[in-house]
């Protein structure tokens, strides 16, 4: 009778049998995108176990005796072959438990998506996608109460990420008009916190490169905003006035 495996060995054997399916299922979900069945944990586990059994069966058919020698020896017991050749065992485990299942999942997803015009983005929500590479900007929010709130989104601002509830911290608050236009940065503002549960929609106002956030220190009391954006945002117009004065002087001559 072969020696019964110890508790630790049993755990190792179970991991060896289950891990290929888990790897396959994980890569498959990431490559294909979410489907209704992914919400059911039991179905996901069943898919992983099924994929693991299929891959393990394939491994045994292709290299059964050699793999069995690494896992079990009749005379010395479990995992003695792996202990004698640790590098070979590690390379084999990496290939069979991770590389092959991941490649199989990717190939299956690629074959299934051929001819499809749609693409899948693994970013969980549009909220996360917006703030992945969000540059500095002015943000205004129309609240469900009908009021407007807004401020400057900069390097000291913060937005939540999935799976947390959507919320936003703007490092500088601005006074807003009844029509939703930016009027001026609030003096000594410590920022403004906005819960998306209280918001109907957000609007992002791009600012020109080098524009300041609009605090009240020194000459940083205005924010330069693109000319295509809303009225009510103060902008530096000294250069435009200087050009106008030069033109008037030339016409007098």
C-alpha atoms as a PDB file:
ATOM      1  CA  UNK A   1       0.000   0.000   0.000  1.00  0.00           C
ATOM      2  CA  UNK A   2       1.376   3.459  -0.809  1.00  0.00           C
ATOM      3  CA  UNK A   3       2.003   5.811   2.039  1.00  0.00           C
ATOM      4  CA  UNK A   4      -0.958   8.076   2.695  1.00  0.00           C
ATOM      5  CA  UNK A   5      -0.091  11.727   2.008  1.00  0.00           C
ATOM      6  CA  UNK A   6       0.343  14.031   4.969  1.00  0.00           C
ATOM      7  CA  UNK A   7      -1.867  17.090   5.512  1.00  0.00           C
ATOM      8  CA  UNK A   8       0.682  19.494   4.014  1.00  0.00           C
ATOM      9  CA  UNK A   9       1.196  17.239   1.037  1.00  0.00           C
ATOM     10  CA  UNK A  10      -2.542  16.984   0.479  1.00  0.00           C
ATOM     11  CA  UNK A  11      -2.790  20.763   0.338  1.00  0.00           C
ATOM     12  CA  UNK A  12       0.047  20.893  -2.197  1.00  0.00           C
ATOM     13  CA  UNK A  13      -1.555  18.228  -4.360  1.00  0.00           C
ATOM     14  CA  UNK A  14      -4.927  19.991  -4.285  1.00  0.00           C
ATOM     15  CA  UNK A  15      -3.267  23.267  -5.306  1.00  0.00           C
ATOM     16  CA  UNK A  16      -1.499  21.528  -8.169  1.00  0.00           C
ATOM     17  CA  UNK A  17      -4.809  20.149  -9.402  1.00  0.00           C
ATOM     18  CA  UNK A  18      -6.853  23.332  -8.943  1.00  0.00           C
ATOM     19  CA  UNK A  19      -4.409  26.105  -9.844  1.00  0.00           C
ATOM     20  CA  UNK A  20      -4.394  25.536 -13.648  1.00  0.00           C
ATOM     21  CA  UNK A  21      -8.157  26.032 -13.734  1.00  0.00           C
ATOM     22  CA  UNK A  22      -8.000  29.101 -11.508  1.00  0.00           C
ATOM     23  CA  UNK A  23      -5.341  30.672 -13.740  1.00  0.00           C
ATOM     24  CA  UNK A  24      -7.343  29.875 -16.853  1.00  0.00           C
ATOM     25  CA  UNK A  25     -10.546  31.316 -15.426  1.00  0.00           C
ATOM     26  CA  UNK A  26      -8.852  34.517 -14.212  1.00  0.00           C
ATOM     27  CA  UNK A  27      -7.157  35.268 -17.541  1.00  0.00           C
ATOM     28  CA  UNK A  28     -10.301  34.332 -19.436  1.00  0.00           C
ATOM     29  CA  UNK A  29     -12.408  36.789 -17.462  1.00  0.00           C
ATOM     30  CA  UNK A  30      -9.850  39.549 -17.918  1.00  0.00           C
ATOM     31  CA  UNK A  31      -9.544  38.963 -21.655  1.00  0.00           C
ATOM     32  CA  UNK A  32     -13.210  38.432 -22.481  1.00  0.00           C
ATOM     33  CA  UNK A  33     -14.774  40.851 -20.050  1.00  0.00           C
ATOM     34  CA  UNK A  34     -17.639  40.370 -17.588  1.00  0.00           C
ATOM     35  CA  UNK A  35     -20.563  38.125 -18.464  1.00  0.00           C
ATOM     36  CA  UNK A  36     -23.729  37.424 -16.420  1.00  0.00           C
ATOM     37  CA  UNK A  37     -22.317  34.098 -15.217  1.00  0.00           C
ATOM     38  CA  UNK A  38     -19.421  35.852 -13.484  1.00  0.00           C
ATOM     39  CA  UNK A  39     -21.781  37.192 -10.839  1.00  0.00           C
ATOM     40  CA  UNK A  40     -22.471  33.668  -9.614  1.00  0.00           C
ATOM     41  CA  UNK A  41     -19.533  32.514  -7.485  1.00  0.00           C
ATOM     42  CA  UNK A  42     -20.608  28.878  -7.704  1.00  0.00           C
ATOM     43  CA  UNK A  43     -20.607  28.961 -11.508  1.00  0.00           C
ATOM     44  CA  UNK A  44     -17.182  30.582 -11.573  1.00  0.00           C
ATOM     45  CA  UNK A  45     -15.763  27.907  -9.281  1.00  0.00           C
ATOM     46  CA  UNK A  46     -17.337  25.180 -11.419  1.00  0.00           C
ATOM     47  CA  UNK A  47     -15.796  26.670 -14.556  1.00  0.00           C
ATOM     48  CA  UNK A  48     -12.386  26.829 -12.909  1.00  0.00           C
ATOM     49  CA  UNK A  49     -12.591  23.227 -11.690  1.00  0.00           C
ATOM     50  CA  UNK A  50     -13.719  22.020 -15.119  1.00  0.00           C
ATOM     51  CA  UNK A  51     -10.883  23.851 -16.858  1.00  0.00           C
ATOM     52  CA  UNK A  52      -8.415  22.482 -14.298  1.00  0.00           C
ATOM     53  CA  UNK A  53      -9.572  18.889 -14.856  1.00  0.00           C
ATOM     54  CA  UNK A  54      -9.284  19.322 -18.627  1.00  0.00           C
ATOM     55  CA  UNK A  55      -5.763  20.749 -18.387  1.00  0.00           C
ATOM     56  CA  UNK A  56      -4.596  18.138 -15.857  1.00  0.00           C
ATOM     57  CA  UNK A  57      -5.918  15.359 -18.091  1.00  0.00           C
ATOM     58  CA  UNK A  58      -4.012  16.817 -21.036  1.00  0.00           C
ATOM     59  CA  UNK A  59      -0.834  17.000 -18.959  1.00  0.00           C
ATOM     60  CA  UNK A  60      -1.151  13.345 -17.911  1.00  0.00           C
ATOM     61  CA  UNK A  61      -1.751  12.213 -21.499  1.00  0.00           C
ATOM     62  CA  UNK A  62       1.305  14.080 -22.790  1.00  0.00           C
ATOM     63  CA  UNK A  63       3.786  13.574 -19.937  1.00  0.00           C
ATOM     64  CA  UNK A  64       2.107  11.333 -17.392  1.00  0.00           C
ATOM     65  CA  UNK A  65       4.948   9.077 -16.150  1.00  0.00           C
ATOM     66  CA  UNK A  66       7.440  11.916 -15.823  1.00  0.00           C
ATOM     67  CA  UNK A  67       4.992  14.155 -13.931  1.00  0.00           C
ATOM     68  CA  UNK A  68       3.998  11.295 -11.619  1.00  0.00           C
ATOM     69  CA  UNK A  69       7.669  10.731 -10.822  1.00  0.00           C
ATOM     70  CA  UNK A  70       7.981  14.359  -9.695  1.00  0.00           C
ATOM     71  CA  UNK A  71       4.890  14.103  -7.512  1.00  0.00           C
ATOM     72  CA  UNK A  72       5.096  10.566  -6.061  1.00  0.00           C
ATOM     73  CA  UNK A  73       7.638   7.777  -5.657  1.00  0.00           C
ATOM     74  CA  UNK A  74       6.552   4.331  -4.458  1.00  0.00           C
ATOM     75  CA  UNK A  75       9.597   3.825  -2.294  1.00  0.00           C
ATOM     76  CA  UNK A  76      10.186   7.291  -0.867  1.00  0.00           C
ATOM     77  CA  UNK A  77       6.731   8.853  -0.853  1.00  0.00           C
ATOM     78  CA  UNK A  78       5.226  12.143  -2.023  1.00  0.00           C
ATOM     79  CA  UNK A  79       7.119  14.997  -3.745  1.00  0.00           C
ATOM     80  CA  UNK A  80      10.522  13.313  -3.387  1.00  0.00           C
ATOM     81  CA  UNK A  81      11.166  13.658  -7.104  1.00  0.00           C
ATOM     82  CA  UNK A  82      10.510  17.387  -6.916  1.00  0.00           C
ATOM     83  CA  UNK A  83      12.836  17.640  -3.916  1.00  0.00           C
ATOM     84  CA  UNK A  84      15.638  15.929  -5.864  1.00  0.00           C
ATOM     85  CA  UNK A  85      15.265  18.352  -8.802  1.00  0.00           C
ATOM     86  CA  UNK A  86      13.927  21.629  -7.392  1.00  0.00           C
ATOM     87  CA  UNK A  87      14.788  23.745 -10.441  1.00  0.00           C
ATOM     88  CA  UNK A  88      13.150  21.338 -12.842  1.00  0.00           C
ATOM     89  CA  UNK A  89      10.124  21.121 -10.546  1.00  0.00           C
ATOM     90  CA  UNK A  90       9.838  24.915 -10.313  1.00  0.00           C
ATOM     91  CA  UNK A  91      10.108  25.360 -14.082  1.00  0.00           C
ATOM     92  CA  UNK A  92       7.565  22.606 -14.679  1.00  0.00           C
ATOM     93  CA  UNK A  93       5.136  24.063 -12.146  1.00  0.00           C
ATOM     94  CA  UNK A  94       5.431  27.555 -13.636  1.00  0.00           C
ATOM     95  CA  UNK A  95       4.842  26.245 -17.145  1.00  0.00           C
ATOM     96  CA  UNK A  96       1.949  23.905 -16.373  1.00  0.00           C
ATOM     97  CA  UNK A  97       0.187  25.915 -13.668  1.00  0.00           C
ATOM     98  CA  UNK A  98       0.535  29.458 -15.044  1.00  0.00           C
ATOM     99  CA  UNK A  99       1.970  29.790 -18.550  1.00  0.00           C
ATOM    100  CA  UNK A 100      -0.045  27.099 -20.340  1.00  0.00           C
ATOM    101  CA  UNK A 101      -3.437  27.953 -18.725  1.00  0.00           C
ATOM    102  CA  UNK A 102      -2.925  31.676 -19.357  1.00  0.00           C
ATOM    103  CA  UNK A 103      -1.961  31.060 -22.982  1.00  0.00           C
ATOM    104  CA  UNK A 104      -4.957  28.755 -23.465  1.00  0.00           C
ATOM    105  CA  UNK A 105      -7.325  31.367 -21.987  1.00  0.00           C
ATOM    106  CA  UNK A 106      -5.888  34.144 -24.135  1.00  0.00           C
ATOM    107  CA  UNK A 107      -6.059  32.015 -27.286  1.00  0.00           C
ATOM    108  CA  UNK A 108      -9.655  31.012 -26.567  1.00  0.00           C
ATOM    109  CA  UNK A 109     -10.658  34.648 -26.008  1.00  0.00           C
ATOM    110  CA  UNK A 110      -8.851  35.772 -29.155  1.00  0.00           C
ATOM    111  CA  UNK A 111     -10.537  33.129 -31.295  1.00  0.00           C
ATOM    112  CA  UNK A 112     -13.909  34.039 -29.812  1.00  0.00           C
ATOM    113  CA  UNK A 113     -13.457  37.753 -30.507  1.00  0.00           C
ATOM    114  CA  UNK A 114     -12.416  37.405 -34.147  1.00  0.00           C
ATOM    115  CA  UNK A 115     -14.835  39.263 -36.376  1.00  0.00           C
ATOM    116  CA  UNK A 116     -16.247  41.238 -33.466  1.00  0.00           C
ATOM    117  CA  UNK A 117     -16.044  45.014 -33.736  1.00  0.00           C
ATOM    118  CA  UNK A 118     -16.490  45.619 -30.029  1.00  0.00           C
ATOM    119  CA  UNK A 119     -13.534  45.933 -27.669  1.00  0.00           C
ATOM    120  CA  UNK A 120     -13.345  45.297 -23.961  1.00  0.00           C
ATOM    121  CA  UNK A 121     -11.684  47.653 -21.520  1.00  0.00           C
ATOM    122  CA  UNK A 122     -10.909  46.049 -18.131  1.00  0.00           C
ATOM    123  CA  UNK A 123     -11.406  49.363 -16.305  1.00  0.00           C
ATOM    124  CA  UNK A 124     -14.340  48.560 -13.988  1.00  0.00           C
ATOM    125  CA  UNK A 125     -16.346  51.807 -14.322  1.00  0.00           C
ATOM    126  CA  UNK A 126     -16.479  54.955 -16.438  1.00  0.00           C
ATOM    127  CA  UNK A 127     -15.676  56.892 -13.262  1.00  0.00           C
ATOM    128  CA  UNK A 128     -12.326  55.087 -12.918  1.00  0.00           C
ATOM    129  CA  UNK A 129     -11.596  55.530 -16.618  1.00  0.00           C
ATOM    130  CA  UNK A 130     -12.154  59.291 -16.482  1.00  0.00           C
ATOM    131  CA  UNK A 131      -9.687  59.799 -13.646  1.00  0.00           C
ATOM    132  CA  UNK A 132      -6.983  57.368 -14.798  1.00  0.00           C
ATOM    133  CA  UNK A 133      -5.069  60.074 -16.668  1.00  0.00           C
ATOM    134  CA  UNK A 134      -7.106  63.132 -15.708  1.00  0.00           C
ATOM    135  CA  UNK A 135      -5.041  66.307 -16.128  1.00  0.00           C
ATOM    136  CA  UNK A 136      -5.563  69.439 -14.060  1.00  0.00           C
ATOM    137  CA  UNK A 137      -8.917  71.036 -14.768  1.00  0.00           C
ATOM    138  CA  UNK A 138     -11.883  72.869 -13.322  1.00  0.00           C
ATOM    139  CA  UNK A 139     -14.792  70.664 -12.327  1.00  0.00           C
ATOM    140  CA  UNK A 140     -18.359  71.784 -11.820  1.00  0.00           C
ATOM    141  CA  UNK A 141     -21.197  69.663 -10.535  1.00  0.00           C
ATOM    142  CA  UNK A 142     -24.917  70.225 -10.756  1.00  0.00           C
ATOM    143  CA  UNK A 143     -26.433  68.952  -7.535  1.00  0.00           C
ATOM    144  CA  UNK A 144     -29.830  67.275  -7.337  1.00  0.00           C
ATOM    145  CA  UNK A 145     -31.011  70.291  -5.388  1.00  0.00           C
ATOM    146  CA  UNK A 146     -30.428  72.441  -8.491  1.00  0.00           C
ATOM    147  CA  UNK A 147     -27.416  74.268  -7.033  1.00  0.00           C
ATOM    148  CA  UNK A 148     -23.934  74.268  -8.547  1.00  0.00           C
ATOM    149  CA  UNK A 149     -20.652  73.342  -6.885  1.00  0.00           C
ATOM    150  CA  UNK A 150     -17.217  73.489  -8.412  1.00  0.00           C
ATOM    151  CA  UNK A 151     -13.519  73.740  -7.878  1.00  0.00           C
ATOM    152  CA  UNK A 152     -10.044  73.004  -9.148  1.00  0.00           C
ATOM    153  CA  UNK A 153      -8.858  69.423  -9.684  1.00  0.00           C
ATOM    154  CA  UNK A 154      -5.090  69.342  -9.263  1.00  0.00           C
ATOM    155  CA  UNK A 155      -2.300  67.230  -7.862  1.00  0.00           C
ATOM    156  CA  UNK A 156      -3.670  67.525  -4.306  1.00  0.00           C
ATOM    157  CA  UNK A 157      -7.165  66.458  -5.373  1.00  0.00           C
ATOM    158  CA  UNK A 158      -8.474  62.922  -5.081  1.00  0.00           C
ATOM    159  CA  UNK A 159     -11.115  60.711  -6.646  1.00  0.00           C
ATOM    160  CA  UNK A 160     -12.308  57.375  -5.316  1.00  0.00           C
ATOM    161  CA  UNK A 161     -11.911  54.100  -7.208  1.00  0.00           C
ATOM    162  CA  UNK A 162     -13.836  50.885  -7.631  1.00  0.00           C
ATOM    163  CA  UNK A 163     -15.263  49.210  -5.565  1.00  0.00           C
ATOM    164  CA  UNK A 164     -15.641  52.239  -3.272  1.00  0.00           C
ATOM    165  CA  UNK A 165     -18.556  54.622  -3.758  1.00  0.00           C
ATOM    166  CA  UNK A 166     -17.808  57.427  -6.189  1.00  0.00           C
ATOM    167  CA  UNK A 167     -16.771  60.689  -4.545  1.00  0.00           C
ATOM    168  CA  UNK A 168     -14.436  63.543  -5.351  1.00  0.00           C
ATOM    169  CA  UNK A 169     -12.226  65.966  -3.434  1.00  0.00           C
ATOM    170  CA  UNK A 170     -11.264  69.217  -5.206  1.00  0.00           C
ATOM    171  CA  UNK A 171      -8.331  71.022  -3.639  1.00  0.00           C
ATOM    172  CA  UNK A 172      -9.728  74.538  -4.224  1.00  0.00           C
ATOM    173  CA  UNK A 173     -13.402  75.547  -4.118  1.00  0.00           C
ATOM    174  CA  UNK A 174     -14.824  78.204  -6.427  1.00  0.00           C
ATOM    175  CA  UNK A 175     -17.843  80.475  -6.104  1.00  0.00           C
ATOM    176  CA  UNK A 176     -20.426  79.498  -8.707  1.00  0.00           C
ATOM    177  CA  UNK A 177     -23.156  81.587 -10.319  1.00  0.00           C
ATOM    178  CA  UNK A 178     -26.756  80.462 -10.509  1.00  0.00           C
ATOM    179  CA  UNK A 179     -26.181  79.474 -14.157  1.00  0.00           C
ATOM    180  CA  UNK A 180     -23.185  77.311 -13.271  1.00  0.00           C
ATOM    181  CA  UNK A 181     -20.379  79.671 -14.336  1.00  0.00           C
ATOM    182  CA  UNK A 182     -17.126  79.910 -12.414  1.00  0.00           C
ATOM    183  CA  UNK A 183     -16.831  83.322 -10.755  1.00  0.00           C
ATOM    184  CA  UNK A 184     -13.798  83.304  -8.459  1.00  0.00           C
ATOM    185  CA  UNK A 185     -11.802  81.012  -6.172  1.00  0.00           C
ATOM    186  CA  UNK A 186     -12.966  81.197  -2.575  1.00  0.00           C
ATOM    187  CA  UNK A 187     -10.427  82.836  -0.246  1.00  0.00           C
ATOM    188  CA  UNK A 188      -8.604  80.446   2.099  1.00  0.00           C
ATOM    189  CA  UNK A 189     -10.341  77.475   0.575  1.00  0.00           C
ATOM    190  CA  UNK A 190      -9.315  74.128   2.005  1.00  0.00           C
ATOM    191  CA  UNK A 191     -11.018  72.262  -0.810  1.00  0.00           C
ATOM    192  CA  UNK A 192     -14.465  70.851  -1.409  1.00  0.00           C
ATOM    193  CA  UNK A 193     -15.798  67.301  -1.056  1.00  0.00           C
ATOM    194  CA  UNK A 194     -18.492  66.115  -3.478  1.00  0.00           C
ATOM    195  CA  UNK A 195     -20.513  62.913  -3.134  1.00  0.00           C
ATOM    196  CA  UNK A 196     -21.720  61.553  -6.447  1.00  0.00           C
ATOM    197  CA  UNK A 197     -24.954  60.425  -4.801  1.00  0.00           C
ATOM    198  CA  UNK A 198     -25.860  64.119  -4.580  1.00  0.00           C
ATOM    199  CA  UNK A 199     -24.825  64.995  -8.168  1.00  0.00           C
ATOM    200  CA  UNK A 200     -26.790  64.892 -11.424  1.00  0.00           C
ATOM    201  CA  UNK A 201     -23.784  65.396 -13.710  1.00  0.00           C
ATOM    202  CA  UNK A 202     -20.196  66.655 -13.797  1.00  0.00           C
ATOM    203  CA  UNK A 203     -18.535  68.955 -16.302  1.00  0.00           C
ATOM    204  CA  UNK A 204     -14.772  69.092 -16.815  1.00  0.00           C
ATOM    205  CA  UNK A 205     -13.313  72.428 -17.942  1.00  0.00           C
ATOM    206  CA  UNK A 206      -9.846  72.067 -19.444  1.00  0.00           C
ATOM    207  CA  UNK A 207      -7.315  74.734 -18.476  1.00  0.00           C
ATOM    208  CA  UNK A 208      -4.395  75.912 -20.562  1.00  0.00           C
ATOM    209  CA  UNK A 209      -0.912  74.528 -19.748  1.00  0.00           C
ATOM    210  CA  UNK A 210       0.748  76.493 -16.965  1.00  0.00           C
ATOM    211  CA  UNK A 211      -2.507  77.829 -15.558  1.00  0.00           C
ATOM    212  CA  UNK A 212      -2.651  78.080 -11.777  1.00  0.00           C
ATOM    213  CA  UNK A 213      -5.369  76.652  -9.617  1.00  0.00           C
ATOM    214  CA  UNK A 214      -6.770  80.043  -8.750  1.00  0.00           C
ATOM    215  CA  UNK A 215      -5.730  80.586  -5.128  1.00  0.00           C
ATOM    216  CA  UNK A 216      -5.446  84.096  -3.683  1.00  0.00           C
ATOM    217  CA  UNK A 217      -1.700  84.205  -3.035  1.00  0.00           C
ATOM    218  CA  UNK A 218       0.254  86.827  -4.983  1.00  0.00           C
ATOM    219  CA  UNK A 219      -0.805  87.120  -8.603  1.00  0.00           C
ATOM    220  CA  UNK A 220      -2.300  83.610  -8.613  1.00  0.00           C
ATOM    221  CA  UNK A 221      -5.841  84.921  -8.251  1.00  0.00           C
ATOM    222  CA  UNK A 222      -6.998  84.022 -11.751  1.00  0.00           C
ATOM    223  CA  UNK A 223      -7.169  80.888 -13.840  1.00  0.00           C
ATOM    224  CA  UNK A 224      -6.552  80.929 -17.572  1.00  0.00           C
ATOM    225  CA  UNK A 225      -9.234  78.936 -19.332  1.00  0.00           C
ATOM    226  CA  UNK A 226      -9.541  77.959 -22.972  1.00  0.00           C
ATOM    227  CA  UNK A 227     -11.493  80.507 -25.013  1.00  0.00           C
ATOM    228  CA  UNK A 228     -14.075  77.912 -26.027  1.00  0.00           C
ATOM    229  CA  UNK A 229     -15.216  77.433 -22.416  1.00  0.00           C
ATOM    230  CA  UNK A 230     -17.728  79.094 -20.154  1.00  0.00           C
ATOM    231  CA  UNK A 231     -18.135  82.750 -19.390  1.00  0.00           C
ATOM    232  CA  UNK A 232     -17.619  83.898 -15.843  1.00  0.00           C
ATOM    233  CA  UNK A 233     -14.101  82.433 -15.535  1.00  0.00           C
ATOM    234  CA  UNK A 234     -11.543  85.227 -15.076  1.00  0.00           C
ATOM    235  CA  UNK A 235      -8.704  85.168 -17.599  1.00  0.00           C
ATOM    236  CA  UNK A 236      -5.537  87.177 -18.098  1.00  0.00           C
ATOM    237  CA  UNK A 237      -6.105  89.710 -20.858  1.00  0.00           C
ATOM    238  CA  UNK A 238      -3.175  92.095 -20.331  1.00  0.00           C
ATOM    239  CA  UNK A 239      -1.467  91.016 -23.546  1.00  0.00           C
ATOM    240  CA  UNK A 240      -4.666  91.476 -25.550  1.00  0.00           C
ATOM    241  CA  UNK A 241      -5.107  95.002 -24.172  1.00  0.00           C
ATOM    242  CA  UNK A 242      -1.494  95.855 -24.982  1.00  0.00           C
ATOM    243  CA  UNK A 243      -1.964  94.686 -28.570  1.00  0.00           C
ATOM    244  CA  UNK A 244      -5.117  96.781 -28.858  1.00  0.00           C
ATOM    245  CA  UNK A 245      -3.302  99.899 -27.571  1.00  0.00           C
ATOM    246  CA  UNK A 246      -0.473  99.363 -30.073  1.00  0.00           C
ATOM    247  CA  UNK A 247      -2.952  99.084 -32.922  1.00  0.00           C
ATOM    248  CA  UNK A 248      -4.687 102.334 -31.911  1.00  0.00           C
ATOM    249  CA  UNK A 249      -1.379 104.170 -31.750  1.00  0.00           C
ATOM    250  CA  UNK A 250      -0.468 102.981 -35.230  1.00  0.00           C
ATOM    251  CA  UNK A 251      -3.753 104.182 -36.712  1.00  0.00           C
ATOM    252  CA  UNK A 252      -3.264 107.667 -35.201  1.00  0.00           C
ATOM    253  CA  UNK A 253       0.006 108.005 -37.054  1.00  0.00           C
END
